Amino acid sequence: MKQFILLGLLIFVTQQVVAQKVYSTDYKNQADISVFVVDYANQADLKVFKVDYSNQADGNEGLWFFTDYSNQSDKKIFFVDYANQSDLKIFFVDYSNQAGWKNRSKKQLLY
């Protein structure tokens, strides 16, 4: 029984770490990463779909839930004005099945 409880706790903690709950900060020094929104999908490192509920933001595959408070988020982001100021370039897509990484070398930024 103890093994099942420990396994369940481990799975719960693991899911919480990789979830994509993000908070948009007002200042760059408050953020974990800086993000630039590109005009075209082929320019992006990550294609992002905004989900409506936090439980839909599963894994590190571009499904983002924007939280109202920074302490509810897994990552704090700051939107910059120029691509060369950013750590990550994103493109917002219209459907969840379009979300995903184009540049997997930047995937560790959201862990």
PDB file of N, CA and C in Angstrom:
ATOM      1  N   MET A   1       0.829  -1.196   0.000  1.00  0.00           N
ATOM      2  CA  MET A   1       0.000   0.000   0.000  1.00  0.00           C
ATOM      3  C   MET A   1       0.872   1.258   0.000  1.00  0.00           C
ATOM      4  N   LYS A   2       1.943   1.241   0.788  1.00  0.00           N
ATOM      5  CA  LYS A   2       2.831   2.399   0.844  1.00  0.00           C
ATOM      6  C   LYS A   2       3.468   2.667  -0.516  1.00  0.00           C
ATOM      7  N   GLN A   3       3.763   1.577  -1.252  1.00  0.00           N
ATOM      8  CA  GLN A   3       4.371   1.730  -2.571  1.00  0.00           C
ATOM      9  C   GLN A   3       3.423   2.455  -3.529  1.00  0.00           C
ATOM     10  N   PHE A   4       2.136   2.139  -3.444  1.00  0.00           N
ATOM     11  CA  PHE A   4       1.158   2.793  -4.314  1.00  0.00           C
ATOM     12  C   PHE A   4       1.017   4.272  -3.975  1.00  0.00           C
ATOM     13  N   ILE A   5       1.052   4.586  -2.699  1.00  0.00           N
ATOM     14  CA  ILE A   5       0.957   5.988  -2.286  1.00  0.00           C
ATOM     15  C   ILE A   5       2.178   6.761  -2.755  1.00  0.00           C
ATOM     16  N   LEU A   6       3.358   6.174  -2.583  1.00  0.00           N
ATOM     17  CA  LEU A   6       4.583   6.841  -3.028  1.00  0.00           C
ATOM     18  C   LEU A   6       4.608   7.004  -4.547  1.00  0.00           C
ATOM     19  N   LEU A   7       4.170   5.993  -5.258  1.00  0.00           N
ATOM     20  CA  LEU A   7       4.106   6.065  -6.717  1.00  0.00           C
ATOM     21  C   LEU A   7       3.124   7.154  -7.161  1.00  0.00           C
ATOM     22  N   GLY A   8       1.974   7.203  -6.523  1.00  0.00           N
ATOM     23  CA  GLY A   8       0.979   8.234  -6.852  1.00  0.00           C
ATOM     24  C   GLY A   8       1.506   9.635  -6.569  1.00  0.00           C
ATOM     25  N   LEU A   9       2.204   9.798  -5.450  1.00  0.00           N
ATOM     26  CA  LEU A   9       2.794  11.095  -5.105  1.00  0.00           C
ATOM     27  C   LEU A   9       3.862  11.487  -6.109  1.00  0.00           C
ATOM     28  N   LEU A  10       4.684  10.538  -6.509  1.00  0.00           N
ATOM     29  CA  LEU A  10       5.732  10.805  -7.494  1.00  0.00           C
ATOM     30  C   LEU A  10       5.133  11.227  -8.829  1.00  0.00           C
ATOM     31  N   ILE A  11       4.093  10.554  -9.270  1.00  0.00           N
ATOM     32  CA  ILE A  11       3.426  10.908 -10.526  1.00  0.00           C
ATOM     33  C   ILE A  11       2.813  12.301 -10.417  1.00  0.00           C
ATOM     34  N   PHE A  12       2.180  12.606  -9.297  1.00  0.00           N
ATOM     35  CA  PHE A  12       1.568  13.924  -9.097  1.00  0.00           C
ATOM     36  C   PHE A  12       2.618  15.028  -9.139  1.00  0.00           C
ATOM     37  N   VAL A  13       3.731  14.853  -8.449  1.00  0.00           N
ATOM     38  CA  VAL A  13       4.795  15.855  -8.426  1.00  0.00           C
ATOM     39  C   VAL A  13       5.398  16.023  -9.814  1.00  0.00           C
ATOM     40  N   THR A  14       5.622  14.920 -10.518  1.00  0.00           N
ATOM     41  CA  THR A  14       6.177  14.982 -11.864  1.00  0.00           C
ATOM     42  C   THR A  14       5.255  15.751 -12.797  1.00  0.00           C
ATOM     43  N   GLN A  15       3.963  15.503 -12.704  1.00  0.00           N
ATOM     44  CA  GLN A  15       3.022  16.211 -13.561  1.00  0.00           C
ATOM     45  C   GLN A  15       3.004  17.702 -13.242  1.00  0.00           C
ATOM     46  N   GLN A  16       3.139  18.062 -11.989  1.00  0.00           N
ATOM     47  CA  GLN A  16       3.131  19.464 -11.613  1.00  0.00           C
ATOM     48  C   GLN A  16       4.359  20.187 -12.138  1.00  0.00           C
ATOM     49  N   VAL A  17       5.491  19.525 -12.207  1.00  0.00           N
ATOM     50  CA  VAL A  17       6.727  20.160 -12.643  1.00  0.00           C
ATOM     51  C   VAL A  17       6.709  20.478 -14.129  1.00  0.00           C
ATOM     52  N   VAL A  18       6.147  19.621 -14.947  1.00  0.00           N
ATOM     53  CA  VAL A  18       6.214  19.828 -16.388  1.00  0.00           C
ATOM     54  C   VAL A  18       4.981  20.515 -16.965  1.00  0.00           C
ATOM     55  N   ALA A  19       4.014  20.824 -16.152  1.00  0.00           N
ATOM     56  CA  ALA A  19       2.829  21.495 -16.657  1.00  0.00           C
ATOM     57  C   ALA A  19       3.185  22.893 -17.135  1.00  0.00           C
ATOM     58  N   GLN A  20       2.462  23.375 -18.117  1.00  0.00           N
ATOM     59  CA  GLN A  20       2.762  24.662 -18.702  1.00  0.00           C
ATOM     60  C   GLN A  20       1.782  25.725 -18.222  1.00  0.00           C
ATOM     61  N   LYS A  21       1.827  25.983 -16.935  1.00  0.00           N
ATOM     62  CA  LYS A  21       1.058  27.078 -16.366  1.00  0.00           C
ATOM     63  C   LYS A  21       1.988  28.274 -16.330  1.00  0.00           C
ATOM     64  N   VAL A  22       1.635  29.315 -17.043  1.00  0.00           N
ATOM     65  CA  VAL A  22       2.524  30.462 -17.163  1.00  0.00           C
ATOM     66  C   VAL A  22       1.845  31.723 -16.648  1.00  0.00           C
ATOM     67  N   TYR A  23       2.679  32.644 -16.217  1.00  0.00           N
ATOM     68  CA  TYR A  23       2.221  33.946 -15.751  1.00  0.00           C
ATOM     69  C   TYR A  23       3.009  35.000 -16.506  1.00  0.00           C
ATOM     70  N   SER A  24       2.326  35.968 -17.048  1.00  0.00           N
ATOM     71  CA  SER A  24       2.973  37.043 -17.788  1.00  0.00           C
ATOM     72  C   SER A  24       3.299  38.189 -16.836  1.00  0.00           C
ATOM     73  N   THR A  25       4.583  38.449 -16.650  1.00  0.00           N
ATOM     74  CA  THR A  25       5.024  39.492 -15.724  1.00  0.00           C
ATOM     75  C   THR A  25       5.034  40.859 -16.398  1.00  0.00           C
ATOM     76  N   ASP A  26       5.087  41.882 -15.588  1.00  0.00           N
ATOM     77  CA  ASP A  26       5.143  43.251 -16.092  1.00  0.00           C
ATOM     78  C   ASP A  26       6.572  43.726 -16.326  1.00  0.00           C
ATOM     79  N   TYR A  27       7.529  43.055 -15.687  1.00  0.00           N
ATOM     80  CA  TYR A  27       8.928  43.474 -15.772  1.00  0.00           C
ATOM     81  C   TYR A  27       9.823  42.277 -16.082  1.00  0.00           C
ATOM     82  N   LYS A  28      10.842  42.503 -16.901  1.00  0.00           N
ATOM     83  CA  LYS A  28      11.734  41.433 -17.332  1.00  0.00           C
ATOM     84  C   LYS A  28      12.464  40.773 -16.167  1.00  0.00           C
ATOM     85  N   ASN A  29      12.835  41.558 -15.155  1.00  0.00           N
ATOM     86  CA  ASN A  29      13.588  40.993 -14.033  1.00  0.00           C
ATOM     87  C   ASN A  29      12.739  40.087 -13.140  1.00  0.00           C
ATOM     88  N   GLN A  30      11.437  40.073 -13.335  1.00  0.00           N
ATOM     89  CA  GLN A  30      10.556  39.175 -12.582  1.00  0.00           C
ATOM     90  C   GLN A  30      10.367  37.831 -13.282  1.00  0.00           C
ATOM     91  N   ALA A  31      10.796  37.745 -14.528  1.00  0.00           N
ATOM     92  CA  ALA A  31      10.494  36.581 -15.364  1.00  0.00           C
ATOM     93  C   ALA A  31      11.602  35.535 -15.325  1.00  0.00           C
ATOM     94  N   ASP A  32      11.198  34.289 -15.577  1.00  0.00           N
ATOM     95  CA  ASP A  32      12.156  33.196 -15.749  1.00  0.00           C
ATOM     96  C   ASP A  32      12.722  33.211 -17.161  1.00  0.00           C
ATOM     97  N   ILE A  33      11.877  33.504 -18.132  1.00  0.00           N
ATOM     98  CA  ILE A  33      12.323  33.570 -19.533  1.00  0.00           C
ATOM     99  C   ILE A  33      11.638  34.732 -20.243  1.00  0.00           C
ATOM    100  N   SER A  34      12.297  35.232 -21.268  1.00  0.00           N
ATOM    101  CA  SER A  34      11.695  36.275 -22.101  1.00  0.00           C
ATOM    102  C   SER A  34      11.215  35.634 -23.398  1.00  0.00           C
ATOM    103  N   VAL A  35      10.053  36.108 -23.873  1.00  0.00           N
ATOM    104  CA  VAL A  35       9.370  35.489 -25.000  1.00  0.00           C
ATOM    105  C   VAL A  35       9.034  36.555 -26.041  1.00  0.00           C
ATOM    106  N   PHE A  36       9.191  36.190 -27.303  1.00  0.00           N
ATOM    107  CA  PHE A  36       8.796  37.062 -28.404  1.00  0.00           C
ATOM    108  C   PHE A  36       7.778  36.317 -29.254  1.00  0.00           C
ATOM    109  N   VAL A  37       6.699  37.001 -29.616  1.00  0.00           N
ATOM    110  CA  VAL A  37       5.664  36.402 -30.461  1.00  0.00           C
ATOM    111  C   VAL A  37       5.972  36.753 -31.910  1.00  0.00           C
ATOM    112  N   VAL A  38       6.220  35.725 -32.708  1.00  0.00           N
ATOM    113  CA  VAL A  38       6.556  35.925 -34.125  1.00  0.00           C
ATOM    114  C   VAL A  38       5.285  35.993 -34.971  1.00  0.00           C
ATOM    115  N   ASP A  39       5.447  36.474 -36.196  1.00  0.00           N
ATOM    116  CA  ASP A  39       4.307  36.643 -37.096  1.00  0.00           C
ATOM    117  C   ASP A  39       3.926  35.366 -37.848  1.00  0.00           C
ATOM    118  N   TYR A  40       4.884  34.473 -38.015  1.00  0.00           N
ATOM    119  CA  TYR A  40       4.646  33.264 -38.801  1.00  0.00           C
ATOM    120  C   TYR A  40       5.121  32.029 -38.043  1.00  0.00           C
ATOM    121  N   ALA A  41       4.405  30.929 -38.213  1.00  0.00           N
ATOM    122  CA  ALA A  41       4.699  29.689 -37.488  1.00  0.00           C
ATOM    123  C   ALA A  41       6.098  29.162 -37.778  1.00  0.00           C
ATOM    124  N   ASN A  42       6.594  29.350 -39.009  1.00  0.00           N
ATOM    125  CA  ASN A  42       7.912  28.806 -39.341  1.00  0.00           C
ATOM    126  C   ASN A  42       9.061  29.580 -38.697  1.00  0.00           C
ATOM    127  N   GLN A  43       8.774  30.724 -38.080  1.00  0.00           N
ATOM    128  CA  GLN A  43       9.790  31.502 -37.368  1.00  0.00           C
ATOM    129  C   GLN A  43       9.896  31.115 -35.893  1.00  0.00           C
ATOM    130  N   ALA A  44       8.976  30.325 -35.404  1.00  0.00           N
ATOM    131  CA  ALA A  44       8.857  30.041 -33.973  1.00  0.00           C
ATOM    132  C   ALA A  44       9.714  28.857 -33.531  1.00  0.00           C
ATOM    133  N   ASP A  45      10.138  28.917 -32.274  1.00  0.00           N
ATOM    134  CA  ASP A  45      10.745  27.767 -31.612  1.00  0.00           C
ATOM    135  C   ASP A  45       9.653  26.837 -31.088  1.00  0.00           C
ATOM    136  N   LEU A  46       8.537  27.449 -30.678  1.00  0.00           N
ATOM    137  CA  LEU A  46       7.428  26.707 -30.084  1.00  0.00           C
ATOM    138  C   LEU A  46       6.115  27.281 -30.581  1.00  0.00           C
ATOM    139  N   LYS A  47       5.227  26.389 -31.016  1.00  0.00           N
ATOM    140  CA  LYS A  47       3.869  26.802 -31.373  1.00  0.00           C
ATOM    141  C   LYS A  47       2.991  26.550 -30.149  1.00  0.00           C
ATOM    142  N   VAL A  48       2.297  27.587 -29.705  1.00  0.00           N
ATOM    143  CA  VAL A  48       1.558  27.564 -28.438  1.00  0.00           C
ATOM    144  C   VAL A  48       0.060  27.663 -28.690  1.00  0.00           C
ATOM    145  N   PHE A  49      -0.682  26.851 -27.933  1.00  0.00           N
ATOM    146  CA  PHE A  49      -2.135  26.940 -27.915  1.00  0.00           C
ATOM    147  C   PHE A  49      -2.562  27.295 -26.496  1.00  0.00           C
ATOM    148  N   LYS A  50      -3.371  28.340 -26.356  1.00  0.00           N
ATOM    149  CA  LYS A  50      -3.870  28.750 -25.037  1.00  0.00           C
ATOM    150  C   LYS A  50      -5.073  27.884 -24.672  1.00  0.00           C
ATOM    151  N   VAL A  51      -4.955  27.170 -23.549  1.00  0.00           N
ATOM    152  CA  VAL A  51      -6.060  26.332 -23.088  1.00  0.00           C
ATOM    153  C   VAL A  51      -6.912  27.108 -22.091  1.00  0.00           C
ATOM    154  N   ASP A  52      -8.134  26.642 -21.886  1.00  0.00           N
ATOM    155  CA  ASP A  52      -9.082  27.339 -21.016  1.00  0.00           C
ATOM    156  C   ASP A  52      -8.977  26.942 -19.552  1.00  0.00           C
ATOM    157  N   TYR A  53      -8.450  25.749 -19.289  1.00  0.00           N
ATOM    158  CA  TYR A  53      -8.398  25.243 -17.920  1.00  0.00           C
ATOM    159  C   TYR A  53      -7.002  24.726 -17.603  1.00  0.00           C
ATOM    160  N   SER A  54      -6.591  24.877 -16.354  1.00  0.00           N
ATOM    161  CA  SER A  54      -5.226  24.497 -15.964  1.00  0.00           C
ATOM    162  C   SER A  54      -4.956  23.006 -16.139  1.00  0.00           C
ATOM    163  N   ASN A  55      -5.977  22.162 -15.971  1.00  0.00           N
ATOM    164  CA  ASN A  55      -5.744  20.720 -16.114  1.00  0.00           C
ATOM    165  C   ASN A  55      -5.539  20.302 -17.568  1.00  0.00           C
ATOM    166  N   GLN A  56      -5.769  21.210 -18.514  1.00  0.00           N
ATOM    167  CA  GLN A  56      -5.518  20.919 -19.924  1.00  0.00           C
ATOM    168  C   GLN A  56      -4.067  21.220 -20.301  1.00  0.00           C
ATOM    169  N   ALA A  57      -3.365  21.939 -19.458  1.00  0.00           N
ATOM    170  CA  ALA A  57      -1.968  22.302 -19.723  1.00  0.00           C
ATOM    171  C   ALA A  57      -1.092  21.155 -19.253  1.00  0.00           C
ATOM    172  N   ASP A  58      -0.975  20.160 -20.100  1.00  0.00           N
ATOM    173  CA  ASP A  58      -0.315  18.914 -19.719  1.00  0.00           C
ATOM    174  C   ASP A  58       0.974  18.750 -20.510  1.00  0.00           C
ATOM    175  N   GLY A  59       2.078  18.516 -19.795  1.00  0.00           N
ATOM    176  CA  GLY A  59       3.350  18.267 -20.453  1.00  0.00           C
ATOM    177  C   GLY A  59       4.001  19.534 -20.965  1.00  0.00           C
ATOM    178  N   ASN A  60       5.078  19.347 -21.697  1.00  0.00           N
ATOM    179  CA  ASN A  60       5.864  20.454 -22.231  1.00  0.00           C
ATOM    180  C   ASN A  60       5.731  20.450 -23.752  1.00  0.00           C
ATOM    181  N   GLU A  61       4.500  20.542 -24.233  1.00  0.00           N
ATOM    182  CA  GLU A  61       4.251  20.449 -25.668  1.00  0.00           C
ATOM    183  C   GLU A  61       3.506  21.649 -26.237  1.00  0.00           C
ATOM    184  N   GLY A  62       3.525  22.774 -25.535  1.00  0.00           N
ATOM    185  CA  GLY A  62       2.954  23.992 -26.088  1.00  0.00           C
ATOM    186  C   GLY A  62       1.520  24.286 -25.710  1.00  0.00           C
ATOM    187  N   LEU A  63       0.960  23.536 -24.783  1.00  0.00           N
ATOM    188  CA  LEU A  63      -0.375  23.836 -24.285  1.00  0.00           C
ATOM    189  C   LEU A  63      -0.209  24.685 -23.028  1.00  0.00           C
ATOM    190  N   TRP A  64      -0.517  25.961 -23.125  1.00  0.00           N
ATOM    191  CA  TRP A  64      -0.283  26.902 -22.033  1.00  0.00           C
ATOM    192  C   TRP A  64      -1.581  27.359 -21.410  1.00  0.00           C
ATOM    193  N   PHE A  65      -1.548  27.448 -20.082  1.00  0.00           N
ATOM    194  CA  PHE A  65      -2.634  28.057 -19.318  1.00  0.00           C
ATOM    195  C   PHE A  65      -2.059  29.281 -18.623  1.00  0.00           C
ATOM    196  N   PHE A  66      -2.639  30.444 -18.880  1.00  0.00           N
ATOM    197  CA  PHE A  66      -2.167  31.682 -18.262  1.00  0.00           C
ATOM    198  C   PHE A  66      -2.866  31.868 -16.920  1.00  0.00           C
ATOM    199  N   THR A  67      -2.078  31.918 -15.858  1.00  0.00           N
ATOM    200  CA  THR A  67      -2.624  32.066 -14.517  1.00  0.00           C
ATOM    201  C   THR A  67      -2.829  33.537 -14.180  1.00  0.00           C
ATOM    202  N   ASP A  68      -3.648  33.776 -13.179  1.00  0.00           N
ATOM    203  CA  ASP A  68      -3.906  35.142 -12.724  1.00  0.00           C
ATOM    204  C   ASP A  68      -2.858  35.633 -11.730  1.00  0.00           C
ATOM    205  N   TYR A  69      -2.184  34.702 -11.085  1.00  0.00           N
ATOM    206  CA  TYR A  69      -1.209  35.052 -10.050  1.00  0.00           C
ATOM    207  C   TYR A  69       0.093  34.293 -10.289  1.00  0.00           C
ATOM    208  N   SER A  70       1.210  34.941 -10.000  1.00  0.00           N
ATOM    209  CA  SER A  70       2.516  34.342 -10.276  1.00  0.00           C
ATOM    210  C   SER A  70       2.773  33.078  -9.458  1.00  0.00           C
ATOM    211  N   ASN A  71       2.234  33.022  -8.238  1.00  0.00           N
ATOM    212  CA  ASN A  71       2.489  31.840  -7.402  1.00  0.00           C
ATOM    213  C   ASN A  71       1.720  30.605  -7.873  1.00  0.00           C
ATOM    214  N   GLN A  72       0.807  30.766  -8.819  1.00  0.00           N
ATOM    215  CA  GLN A  72       0.080  29.627  -9.385  1.00  0.00           C
ATOM    216  C   GLN A  72       0.788  29.053 -10.607  1.00  0.00           C
ATOM    217  N   SER A  73       1.794  29.744 -11.080  1.00  0.00           N
ATOM    218  CA  SER A  73       2.432  29.352 -12.338  1.00  0.00           C
ATOM    219  C   SER A  73       3.657  28.477 -12.106  1.00  0.00           C
ATOM    220  N   ASP A  74       4.028  27.768 -13.181  1.00  0.00           N
ATOM    221  CA  ASP A  74       5.271  27.002 -13.180  1.00  0.00           C
ATOM    222  C   ASP A  74       6.400  27.827 -13.775  1.00  0.00           C
ATOM    223  N   LYS A  75       6.062  28.720 -14.690  1.00  0.00           N
ATOM    224  CA  LYS A  75       7.055  29.599 -15.318  1.00  0.00           C
ATOM    225  C   LYS A  75       6.486  30.999 -15.427  1.00  0.00           C
ATOM    226  N   LYS A  76       7.342  31.969 -15.162  1.00  0.00           N
ATOM    227  CA  LYS A  76       6.979  33.366 -15.348  1.00  0.00           C
ATOM    228  C   LYS A  76       7.651  33.850 -16.628  1.00  0.00           C
ATOM    229  N   ILE A  77       6.865  34.474 -17.501  1.00  0.00           N
ATOM    230  CA  ILE A  77       7.406  34.914 -18.782  1.00  0.00           C
ATOM    231  C   ILE A  77       7.222  36.421 -18.931  1.00  0.00           C
ATOM    232  N   PHE A  78       8.079  37.003 -19.738  1.00  0.00           N
ATOM    233  CA  PHE A  78       7.976  38.416 -20.066  1.00  0.00           C
ATOM    234  C   PHE A  78       8.002  38.536 -21.581  1.00  0.00           C
ATOM    235  N   PHE A  79       7.015  39.234 -22.133  1.00  0.00           N
ATOM    236  CA  PHE A  79       6.944  39.432 -23.577  1.00  0.00           C
ATOM    237  C   PHE A  79       7.800  40.624 -23.966  1.00  0.00           C
ATOM    238  N   VAL A  80       8.783  40.395 -24.823  1.00  0.00           N
ATOM    239  CA  VAL A  80       9.690  41.448 -25.276  1.00  0.00           C
ATOM    240  C   VAL A  80       9.237  41.986 -26.629  1.00  0.00           C
ATOM    241  N   ASP A  81       9.794  43.143 -26.998  1.00  0.00           N
ATOM    242  CA  ASP A  81       9.391  43.814 -28.231  1.00  0.00           C
ATOM    243  C   ASP A  81      10.169  43.367 -29.464  1.00  0.00           C
ATOM    244  N   TYR A  82      11.339  42.777 -29.234  1.00  0.00           N
ATOM    245  CA  TYR A  82      12.202  42.402 -30.358  1.00  0.00           C
ATOM    246  C   TYR A  82      12.693  40.968 -30.200  1.00  0.00           C
ATOM    247  N   ALA A  83      12.814  40.264 -31.312  1.00  0.00           N
ATOM    248  CA  ALA A  83      13.208  38.854 -31.302  1.00  0.00           C
ATOM    249  C   ALA A  83      14.580  38.636 -30.674  1.00  0.00           C
ATOM    250  N   ASN A  84      15.508  39.562 -30.902  1.00  0.00           N
ATOM    251  CA  ASN A  84      16.864  39.368 -30.369  1.00  0.00           C
ATOM    252  C   ASN A  84      16.947  39.575 -28.858  1.00  0.00           C
ATOM    253  N   GLN A  85      15.872  40.028 -28.234  1.00  0.00           N
ATOM    254  CA  GLN A  85      15.831  40.172 -26.776  1.00  0.00           C
ATOM    255  C   GLN A  85      15.278  38.916 -26.095  1.00  0.00           C
ATOM    256  N   SER A  86      14.814  37.969 -26.877  1.00  0.00           N
ATOM    257  CA  SER A  86      14.073  36.837 -26.311  1.00  0.00           C
ATOM    258  C   SER A  86      14.934  35.592 -26.122  1.00  0.00           C
ATOM    259  N   ASP A  87      14.485  34.775 -25.173  1.00  0.00           N
ATOM    260  CA  ASP A  87      15.044  33.436 -24.987  1.00  0.00           C
ATOM    261  C   ASP A  87      14.298  32.433 -25.871  1.00  0.00           C
ATOM    262  N   LEU A  88      13.023  32.726 -26.123  1.00  0.00           N
ATOM    263  CA  LEU A  88      12.149  31.798 -26.823  1.00  0.00           C
ATOM    264  C   LEU A  88      11.220  32.564 -27.754  1.00  0.00           C
ATOM    265  N   LYS A  89      11.089  32.073 -28.994  1.00  0.00           N
ATOM    266  CA  LYS A  89      10.157  32.657 -29.958  1.00  0.00           C
ATOM    267  C   LYS A  89       8.954  31.736 -30.077  1.00  0.00           C
ATOM    268  N   ILE A  90       7.761  32.317 -29.930  1.00  0.00           N
ATOM    269  CA  ILE A  90       6.544  31.509 -29.979  1.00  0.00           C
ATOM    270  C   ILE A  90       5.594  32.048 -31.044  1.00  0.00           C
ATOM    271  N   PHE A  91       4.684  31.170 -31.441  1.00  0.00           N
ATOM    272  CA  PHE A  91       3.604  31.531 -32.357  1.00  0.00           C
ATOM    273  C   PHE A  91       2.327  30.925 -31.789  1.00  0.00           C
ATOM    274  N   PHE A  92       1.274  31.733 -31.640  1.00  0.00           N
ATOM    275  CA  PHE A  92       0.007  31.231 -31.125  1.00  0.00           C
ATOM    276  C   PHE A  92      -0.793  30.595 -32.253  1.00  0.00           C
ATOM    277  N   VAL A  93      -1.204  29.345 -32.040  1.00  0.00           N
ATOM    278  CA  VAL A  93      -1.971  28.599 -33.034  1.00  0.00           C
ATOM    279  C   VAL A  93      -3.446  28.557 -32.639  1.00  0.00           C
ATOM    280  N   ASP A  94      -4.293  28.190 -33.592  1.00  0.00           N
ATOM    281  CA  ASP A  94      -5.735  28.191 -33.383  1.00  0.00           C
ATOM    282  C   ASP A  94      -6.283  26.872 -32.832  1.00  0.00           C
ATOM    283  N   TYR A  95      -5.534  25.797 -32.992  1.00  0.00           N
ATOM    284  CA  TYR A  95      -6.014  24.478 -32.566  1.00  0.00           C
ATOM    285  C   TYR A  95      -4.946  23.772 -31.741  1.00  0.00           C
ATOM    286  N   SER A  96      -5.372  23.014 -30.755  1.00  0.00           N
ATOM    287  CA  SER A  96      -4.437  22.355 -29.839  1.00  0.00           C
ATOM    288  C   SER A  96      -3.534  21.342 -30.532  1.00  0.00           C
ATOM    289  N   ASN A  97      -4.025  20.703 -31.592  1.00  0.00           N
ATOM    290  CA  ASN A  97      -3.198  19.701 -32.271  1.00  0.00           C
ATOM    291  C   ASN A  97      -2.079  20.334 -33.102  1.00  0.00           C
ATOM    292  N   GLN A  98      -2.086  21.651 -33.259  1.00  0.00           N
ATOM    293  CA  GLN A  98      -1.021  22.348 -33.972  1.00  0.00           C
ATOM    294  C   GLN A  98       0.133  22.733 -33.048  1.00  0.00           C
ATOM    295  N   ALA A  99      -0.085  22.659 -31.751  1.00  0.00           N
ATOM    296  CA  ALA A  99       0.939  23.075 -30.781  1.00  0.00           C
ATOM    297  C   ALA A  99       2.093  22.080 -30.768  1.00  0.00           C
ATOM    298  N   GLY A 100       3.282  22.598 -30.480  1.00  0.00           N
ATOM    299  CA  GLY A 100       4.439  21.723 -30.356  1.00  0.00           C
ATOM    300  C   GLY A 100       5.740  22.446 -30.639  1.00  0.00           C
ATOM    301  N   TRP A 101       6.824  21.742 -30.369  1.00  0.00           N
ATOM    302  CA  TRP A 101       8.163  22.299 -30.526  1.00  0.00           C
ATOM    303  C   TRP A 101       8.637  22.190 -31.966  1.00  0.00           C
ATOM    304  N   LYS A 102       9.231  23.244 -32.450  1.00  0.00           N
ATOM    305  CA  LYS A 102       9.926  23.224 -33.730  1.00  0.00           C
ATOM    306  C   LYS A 102      11.428  23.196 -33.494  1.00  0.00           C
ATOM    307  N   ASN A 103      11.867  23.802 -32.395  1.00  0.00           N
ATOM    308  CA  ASN A 103      13.279  23.836 -32.040  1.00  0.00           C
ATOM    309  C   ASN A 103      13.440  23.164 -30.675  1.00  0.00           C
ATOM    310  N   ARG A 104      13.633  21.862 -30.693  1.00  0.00           N
ATOM    311  CA  ARG A 104      13.686  21.086 -29.447  1.00  0.00           C
ATOM    312  C   ARG A 104      14.872  21.445 -28.550  1.00  0.00           C
ATOM    313  N   SER A 105      15.866  22.127 -29.067  1.00  0.00           N
ATOM    314  CA  SER A 105      17.024  22.508 -28.241  1.00  0.00           C
ATOM    315  C   SER A 105      16.638  23.540 -27.178  1.00  0.00           C
ATOM    316  N   LYS A 106      15.509  24.190 -27.355  1.00  0.00           N
ATOM    317  CA  LYS A 106      15.050  25.189 -26.381  1.00  0.00           C
ATOM    318  C   LYS A 106      14.030  24.614 -25.396  1.00  0.00           C
ATOM    319  N   LYS A 107      13.732  23.344 -25.517  1.00  0.00           N
ATOM    320  CA  LYS A 107      12.719  22.711 -24.675  1.00  0.00           C
ATOM    321  C   LYS A 107      13.028  22.801 -23.185  1.00  0.00           C
ATOM    322  N   GLN A 108      14.315  22.784 -22.835  1.00  0.00           N
ATOM    323  CA  GLN A 108      14.696  22.823 -21.420  1.00  0.00           C
ATOM    324  C   GLN A 108      14.347  24.158 -20.771  1.00  0.00           C
ATOM    325  N   LEU A 109      14.083  25.203 -21.530  1.00  0.00           N
ATOM    326  CA  LEU A 109      13.711  26.497 -20.958  1.00  0.00           C
ATOM    327  C   LEU A 109      12.428  26.423 -20.153  1.00  0.00           C
ATOM    328  N   LEU A 110      11.556  25.499 -20.501  1.00  0.00           N
ATOM    329  CA  LEU A 110      10.263  25.408 -19.830  1.00  0.00           C
ATOM    330  C   LEU A 110      10.179  24.256 -18.838  1.00  0.00           C
ATOM    331  N   TYR A 111      11.303  23.687 -18.472  1.00  0.00           N
ATOM    332  CA  TYR A 111      11.284  22.669 -17.407  1.00  0.00           C
ATOM    333  C   TYR A 111      11.596  23.296 -16.082  1.00  0.00           C
TER     334      TYR A 111
END
